[in-house]
Amino acid sequence: MGYDYAALCRDIEKLNEKYDMTDIFSIGKSVMGKDIYCIKTGNGKKRLFIGGAYHGLEYLTSLFLMRFIDRYIRLSSNGSDFFGFDTDSIYNAVTMFIVPMVNPDGVDIAVNGLDINNPYHRRLTETAGIHEFSHVWQANARGVDINHNFDADWKMTVPYPSPTKYGGKHPGSEPETRAVTGFIQKSGIDMLIAFHSQGGEIYYGFMEPDDMISLPVAKKLADISGYDLALPCGTASYGGCKDWFVKEFKKPGFTVEMGRGKNPLPENMIDDVFWDNAKIILCAANELMHSA
């Protein structure tokens, strides 16, 4: 078992019942028609976008983000610190837009396997060359790797639908990608964090080793989390959400590879990864709060 779309929906409903400090809405639909939920919290002029589960196997990022939201709202509602960060100040200076599961179809395939009723079942089985989809699936329901589908030095890494690294027929071909880019384009986002797993690394910038847009904040995120600071290379260096955001808006963007091990990281690792990654979000929000 893993943290699938149904579990996310249950937690979103609970969050909505517990607090009046959130606005929950859909930014679009997946290939299979699932809502791609966004949770808005905060009253600030600065805007931070945070996404998780771009890849099917990386559903621990969704569980982490839901737990973070719950803790953050609870502490900010009574003015308590969160790892030494003033949540009340951050709440009033920074508006967070959190999309905990960018790729809900891919997560469900990774957790539950490919449903025989999926209209793409036969095509995926034939083209991907596999019949067992759980524990290998990173792509969406059409076999497109969402984090290779953004318009940022897009390349055709794999020429056909696959569990991973097929970037689609063209940049932005997938509804999940368009949901994210469309929302960001109209929302005036000032900083972006894309959560993935695994590796304990923070990637910053795009195509420029001395990128001064993201590097100063990236160093602080690495220091506070203990994660390694890195520039992406090879297939990880193009087509990603962070890459597109930095290229498009010339604003700070980061990819965080949560935890260490082998995907899918087990749910019982959530307590181990929570502290480091919560600090990353809080530190980023704090830096955004004090930025010009």
Protein backbone atom coordinates (compact mmCIF):
# COMPACT_ATOMS: atom_id res chain seq x y z
CA MET A 1 0.00 0.00 0.00
CA GLY A 2 1.01 3.61 -0.49
CA TYR A 3 -0.33 7.14 -0.26
CA ASP A 4 -2.66 7.21 -3.27
CA TYR A 5 -5.16 9.73 -4.63
CA ALA A 6 -7.99 8.45 -2.42
CA ALA A 7 -5.84 8.96 0.68
CA LEU A 8 -5.00 12.47 -0.49
CA CYS A 9 -8.68 13.32 -0.99
CA ARG A 10 -9.51 12.07 2.52
CA ASP A 11 -6.77 14.21 4.03
CA ILE A 12 -7.86 17.26 2.05
CA GLU A 13 -11.40 16.82 3.35
CA LYS A 14 -10.11 16.56 6.93
CA LEU A 15 -7.94 19.65 6.45
CA ASN A 16 -10.92 21.58 5.13
CA GLU A 17 -12.98 20.57 8.17
CA LYS A 18 -10.27 21.47 10.70
CA TYR A 19 -9.22 24.93 9.51
CA ASP A 20 -10.66 28.07 7.98
CA MET A 21 -7.18 29.31 6.99
CA THR A 22 -7.07 27.42 3.69
CA ASP A 23 -8.62 27.76 0.28
CA ILE A 24 -8.71 24.43 -1.55
CA PHE A 25 -9.37 24.29 -5.28
CA SER A 26 -8.48 22.37 -8.44
CA ILE A 27 -5.98 23.83 -10.91
CA GLY A 28 -6.92 21.30 -13.59
CA LYS A 29 -7.61 17.65 -14.40
CA SER A 30 -5.33 14.70 -15.00
CA VAL A 31 -5.53 12.48 -18.08
CA MET A 32 -8.02 10.29 -16.21
CA GLY A 33 -10.07 13.24 -15.01
CA LYS A 34 -8.81 13.49 -11.43
CA ASP A 35 -8.68 16.93 -9.86
CA ILE A 36 -5.19 18.33 -9.32
CA TYR A 37 -5.76 19.99 -5.97
CA CYS A 38 -4.07 23.14 -4.74
CA ILE A 39 -4.12 24.31 -1.12
CA LYS A 40 -3.69 28.04 -0.60
CA THR A 41 -2.71 29.40 2.78
CA GLY A 42 -1.32 32.75 3.92
CA ASN A 43 -2.13 36.41 3.45
CA GLY A 44 1.12 37.76 2.03
CA LYS A 45 2.00 39.56 -1.17
CA LYS A 46 4.95 37.21 -1.82
CA ARG A 47 3.88 33.97 -3.46
CA LEU A 48 5.50 30.54 -3.05
CA PHE A 49 4.48 27.56 -5.20
CA ILE A 50 5.24 24.06 -3.88
CA GLY A 51 4.53 20.88 -5.84
CA GLY A 52 4.90 17.19 -5.06
CA ALA A 53 4.44 13.79 -6.72
CA TYR A 54 5.37 14.81 -10.23
CA HIS A 55 6.41 11.14 -10.45
CA GLY A 56 4.19 8.19 -9.59
CA LEU A 57 6.60 6.39 -7.25
CA GLU A 58 7.31 9.57 -5.29
CA TYR A 59 4.06 9.68 -3.35
CA LEU A 60 5.90 10.17 -0.05
CA THR A 61 6.29 13.80 -1.15
CA SER A 62 2.48 14.14 -1.14
CA LEU A 63 2.18 12.67 2.34
CA PHE A 64 4.93 15.01 3.56
CA LEU A 65 3.27 18.10 2.08
CA MET A 66 -0.09 17.26 3.65
CA ARG A 67 1.53 16.79 7.05
CA PHE A 68 3.49 20.00 6.63
CA ILE A 69 0.36 22.00 5.80
CA ASP A 70 -1.47 20.64 8.84
CA ARG A 71 1.42 21.47 11.20
CA TYR A 72 2.09 24.87 9.65
CA ILE A 73 -1.53 26.04 9.83
CA ARG A 74 -1.95 24.77 13.39
CA LEU A 75 1.16 26.58 14.60
CA SER A 76 0.55 29.79 12.67
CA SER A 77 -3.02 29.96 13.99
CA ASN A 78 -1.72 30.39 17.53
CA GLY A 79 1.45 32.29 16.69
CA SER A 80 3.86 29.48 17.57
CA ASP A 81 7.33 29.05 16.12
CA PHE A 82 8.06 26.17 13.75
CA PHE A 83 11.71 25.09 14.01
CA GLY A 84 12.52 28.62 15.17
CA PHE A 85 10.71 30.31 12.29
CA ASP A 86 8.00 32.86 13.11
CA THR A 87 4.96 31.29 11.47
CA ASP A 88 2.73 34.29 12.14
CA SER A 89 5.11 36.62 10.28
CA ILE A 90 5.52 34.18 7.40
CA TYR A 91 1.76 33.62 7.17
CA ASN A 92 1.13 37.36 6.85
CA ALA A 93 3.97 37.97 4.40
CA VAL A 94 3.88 34.88 2.15
CA THR A 95 1.01 33.12 0.43
CA MET A 96 1.76 29.45 -0.20
CA PHE A 97 0.17 27.51 -3.04
CA ILE A 98 0.76 23.80 -2.42
CA VAL A 99 -0.08 21.15 -5.02
CA PRO A 100 0.65 17.92 -3.14
CA MET A 101 0.00 15.53 -6.05
CA VAL A 102 0.74 16.91 -9.51
CA ASN A 103 0.46 13.44 -11.11
CA PRO A 104 -2.46 11.63 -9.40
CA ASP A 105 -2.88 9.04 -12.18
CA GLY A 106 0.78 8.09 -12.01
CA VAL A 107 0.62 7.73 -8.23
CA ASP A 108 -2.42 5.46 -8.46
CA ILE A 109 -0.71 3.28 -11.08
CA ALA A 110 2.44 3.05 -8.94
CA VAL A 111 0.47 2.20 -5.80
CA ASN A 112 -2.42 0.14 -7.16
CA GLY A 113 -1.30 -1.03 -10.60
CA LEU A 114 -2.84 -0.17 -13.96
CA ASP A 115 -6.62 -0.58 -13.97
CA ILE A 116 -7.83 -2.83 -16.78
CA ASN A 117 -10.55 -0.20 -17.41
CA ASN A 118 -7.94 2.44 -18.19
CA PRO A 119 -8.42 3.26 -21.90
CA TYR A 120 -4.64 3.36 -22.30
CA HIS A 121 -4.12 -0.08 -20.74
CA ARG A 122 -3.43 -1.99 -23.94
CA ARG A 123 -1.27 0.74 -25.46
CA LEU A 124 0.84 1.10 -22.31
CA THR A 125 1.22 -2.64 -21.91
CA GLU A 126 2.39 -3.01 -25.50
CA THR A 127 4.60 0.06 -25.81
CA ALA A 128 6.13 -0.02 -22.34
CA GLY A 129 6.70 -3.75 -22.65
CA ILE A 130 5.60 -4.53 -19.10
CA HIS A 131 2.53 -5.96 -17.40
CA GLU A 132 3.40 -5.19 -13.77
CA PHE A 133 3.13 -1.42 -13.29
CA SER A 134 3.25 -0.96 -9.54
CA HIS A 135 6.66 -0.11 -8.05
CA VAL A 136 8.12 0.99 -11.40
CA TRP A 137 5.74 3.65 -12.70
CA GLN A 138 6.85 7.30 -12.72
CA ALA A 139 4.86 8.61 -15.70
CA ASN A 140 1.24 9.70 -16.07
CA ALA A 141 -1.63 7.58 -17.44
CA ARG A 142 -0.38 8.03 -21.02
CA GLY A 143 3.18 7.01 -20.23
CA VAL A 144 4.55 10.57 -20.26
CA ASP A 145 7.04 11.62 -17.63
CA ILE A 146 5.60 14.92 -16.38
CA ASN A 147 8.96 16.22 -15.19
CA HIS A 148 10.35 15.89 -18.73
CA ASN A 149 7.30 17.56 -20.31
CA PHE A 150 7.99 21.20 -19.42
CA ASP A 151 9.24 23.67 -22.01
CA ALA A 152 12.83 23.97 -20.80
CA ASP A 153 15.40 22.66 -23.28
CA TRP A 154 12.90 19.85 -23.96
CA LYS A 155 14.37 16.72 -25.54
CA MET A 156 12.98 13.36 -26.63
CA THR A 157 14.87 11.16 -24.16
CA VAL A 158 12.77 8.05 -24.78
CA PRO A 159 10.83 7.86 -28.08
CA TYR A 160 7.69 6.11 -26.83
CA PRO A 161 5.45 5.84 -23.74
CA SER A 162 7.43 4.37 -20.87
CA PRO A 163 7.45 4.04 -17.08
CA THR A 164 9.91 6.94 -17.00
CA LYS A 165 11.70 9.62 -19.08
CA TYR A 166 9.36 9.81 -22.08
CA GLY A 167 8.86 13.57 -22.48
CA GLY A 168 5.73 13.40 -24.61
CA LYS A 169 5.16 14.43 -28.22
CA HIS A 170 6.00 18.05 -27.44
CA PRO A 171 6.49 20.32 -24.41
CA GLY A 172 3.30 20.82 -22.46
CA SER A 173 1.51 17.97 -24.22
CA GLU A 174 0.03 16.69 -20.94
CA PRO A 175 -2.89 18.18 -18.99
CA GLU A 176 -0.98 17.87 -15.71
CA THR A 177 1.86 19.98 -17.08
CA ARG A 178 -0.52 22.57 -18.50
CA ALA A 179 -2.39 22.75 -15.20
CA VAL A 180 0.81 23.68 -13.37
CA THR A 181 2.18 26.11 -15.97
CA GLY A 182 -1.19 27.76 -16.52
CA PHE A 183 -1.71 28.33 -12.81
CA ILE A 184 1.79 29.69 -12.27
CA GLN A 185 1.57 32.01 -15.27
CA LYS A 186 -1.57 33.70 -13.94
CA SER A 187 -0.68 33.71 -10.24
CA GLY A 188 2.45 35.86 -9.99
CA ILE A 189 4.56 33.20 -8.27
CA ASP A 190 7.84 34.55 -6.82
CA MET A 191 9.57 31.28 -5.90
CA LEU A 192 9.06 27.59 -6.65
CA ILE A 193 9.97 24.34 -4.89
CA ALA A 194 9.40 21.00 -6.64
CA PHE A 195 9.62 18.01 -4.29
CA HIS A 196 10.87 14.67 -5.60
CA SER A 197 12.54 11.63 -4.08
CA GLN A 198 15.20 10.50 -3.46
CA GLY A 199 18.88 11.44 -2.98
CA GLY A 200 19.09 14.09 -0.25
CA GLU A 201 19.95 16.80 -2.79
CA ILE A 202 18.80 20.29 -3.73
CA TYR A 203 19.05 21.29 -7.39
CA TYR A 204 18.98 24.96 -8.27
CA GLY A 205 19.03 27.11 -11.38
CA PHE A 206 18.89 26.14 -15.03
CA MET A 207 21.71 25.94 -17.58
CA GLU A 208 23.97 28.37 -15.66
CA PRO A 209 26.48 27.00 -13.10
CA ASP A 210 26.82 30.40 -11.44
CA ASP A 211 23.10 31.14 -11.39
CA MET A 212 22.76 34.00 -8.91
CA ILE A 213 18.97 33.95 -9.08
CA SER A 214 18.67 30.74 -7.07
CA LEU A 215 22.11 30.04 -5.61
CA PRO A 216 22.09 32.33 -2.53
CA VAL A 217 18.84 30.83 -1.25
CA ALA A 218 19.86 27.31 -2.33
CA LYS A 219 22.93 27.51 -0.07
CA LYS A 220 20.74 28.38 2.92
CA LEU A 221 18.33 25.53 2.14
CA ALA A 222 21.25 23.10 1.98
CA ASP A 223 22.74 24.38 5.23
CA ILE A 224 19.53 24.11 7.20
CA SER A 225 18.53 20.69 5.85
CA GLY A 226 21.89 18.95 5.59
CA TYR A 227 21.12 18.10 1.97
CA ASP A 228 23.77 18.37 -0.73
CA LEU A 229 23.69 21.28 -3.15
CA ALA A 230 23.91 20.21 -6.78
CA LEU A 231 23.45 21.25 -10.37
CA PRO A 232 21.47 18.71 -12.41
CA CYS A 233 23.23 16.86 -15.20
CA GLY A 234 22.28 14.38 -17.91
CA THR A 235 18.57 13.66 -18.30
CA ALA A 236 17.84 15.47 -15.02
CA SER A 237 19.01 18.77 -16.48
CA TYR A 238 16.09 19.61 -18.78
CA GLY A 239 12.33 19.48 -19.16
CA GLY A 240 11.58 19.84 -15.45
CA CYS A 241 9.17 22.13 -13.64
CA LYS A 242 11.92 24.00 -11.79
CA ASP A 243 13.86 24.39 -15.05
CA TRP A 244 10.85 25.89 -16.81
CA PHE A 245 10.10 28.27 -13.94
CA VAL A 246 13.65 29.64 -13.71
CA LYS A 247 13.91 29.97 -17.50
CA GLU A 248 10.51 31.57 -17.89
CA PHE A 249 10.46 34.01 -14.97
CA LYS A 250 14.11 34.49 -13.91
CA LYS A 251 13.09 33.84 -10.31
CA PRO A 252 14.42 31.36 -7.71
CA GLY A 253 13.41 27.75 -8.25
CA PHE A 254 14.52 24.52 -6.57
CA THR A 255 14.13 20.78 -6.98
CA VAL A 256 14.39 18.95 -3.65
CA GLU A 257 15.20 15.22 -3.76
CA MET A 258 13.68 14.15 -0.46
CA GLY A 259 15.25 11.36 1.60
CA ARG A 260 17.70 8.67 0.65
CA GLY A 261 17.13 5.10 -0.48
CA LYS A 262 15.23 3.55 -3.36
CA ASN A 263 11.87 4.66 -4.74
CA PRO A 264 9.24 4.21 -3.60
CA LEU A 265 10.46 5.35 -0.19
CA PRO A 266 8.40 3.61 2.51
CA GLU A 267 5.71 5.55 4.32
CA ASN A 268 7.33 4.76 7.65
CA MET A 269 10.19 7.05 6.56
CA ILE A 270 7.91 10.09 6.84
CA ASP A 271 9.12 11.05 10.32
CA ASP A 272 12.75 10.85 9.19
CA VAL A 273 12.24 13.15 6.19
CA PHE A 274 9.72 15.53 7.74
CA TRP A 275 12.07 17.71 9.76
CA ASP A 276 14.66 18.41 7.08
CA ASN A 277 12.11 19.16 4.38
CA ALA A 278 9.84 21.25 6.60
CA LYS A 279 12.88 23.40 7.35
CA ILE A 280 13.47 23.78 3.61
CA ILE A 281 9.98 25.19 3.06
CA LEU A 282 10.15 27.47 6.10
CA CYS A 283 13.61 28.74 5.21
CA ALA A 284 12.53 29.42 1.61
CA ALA A 285 9.42 31.27 2.81
CA ASN A 286 11.50 33.25 5.28
CA GLU A 287 13.95 34.26 2.55
CA LEU A 288 11.07 35.22 0.28
CA MET A 289 9.52 37.27 3.08
CA HIS A 290 12.72 39.32 3.42
CA SER A 291 13.43 39.66 -0.30
CA ALA A 292 13.13 42.94 -2.14
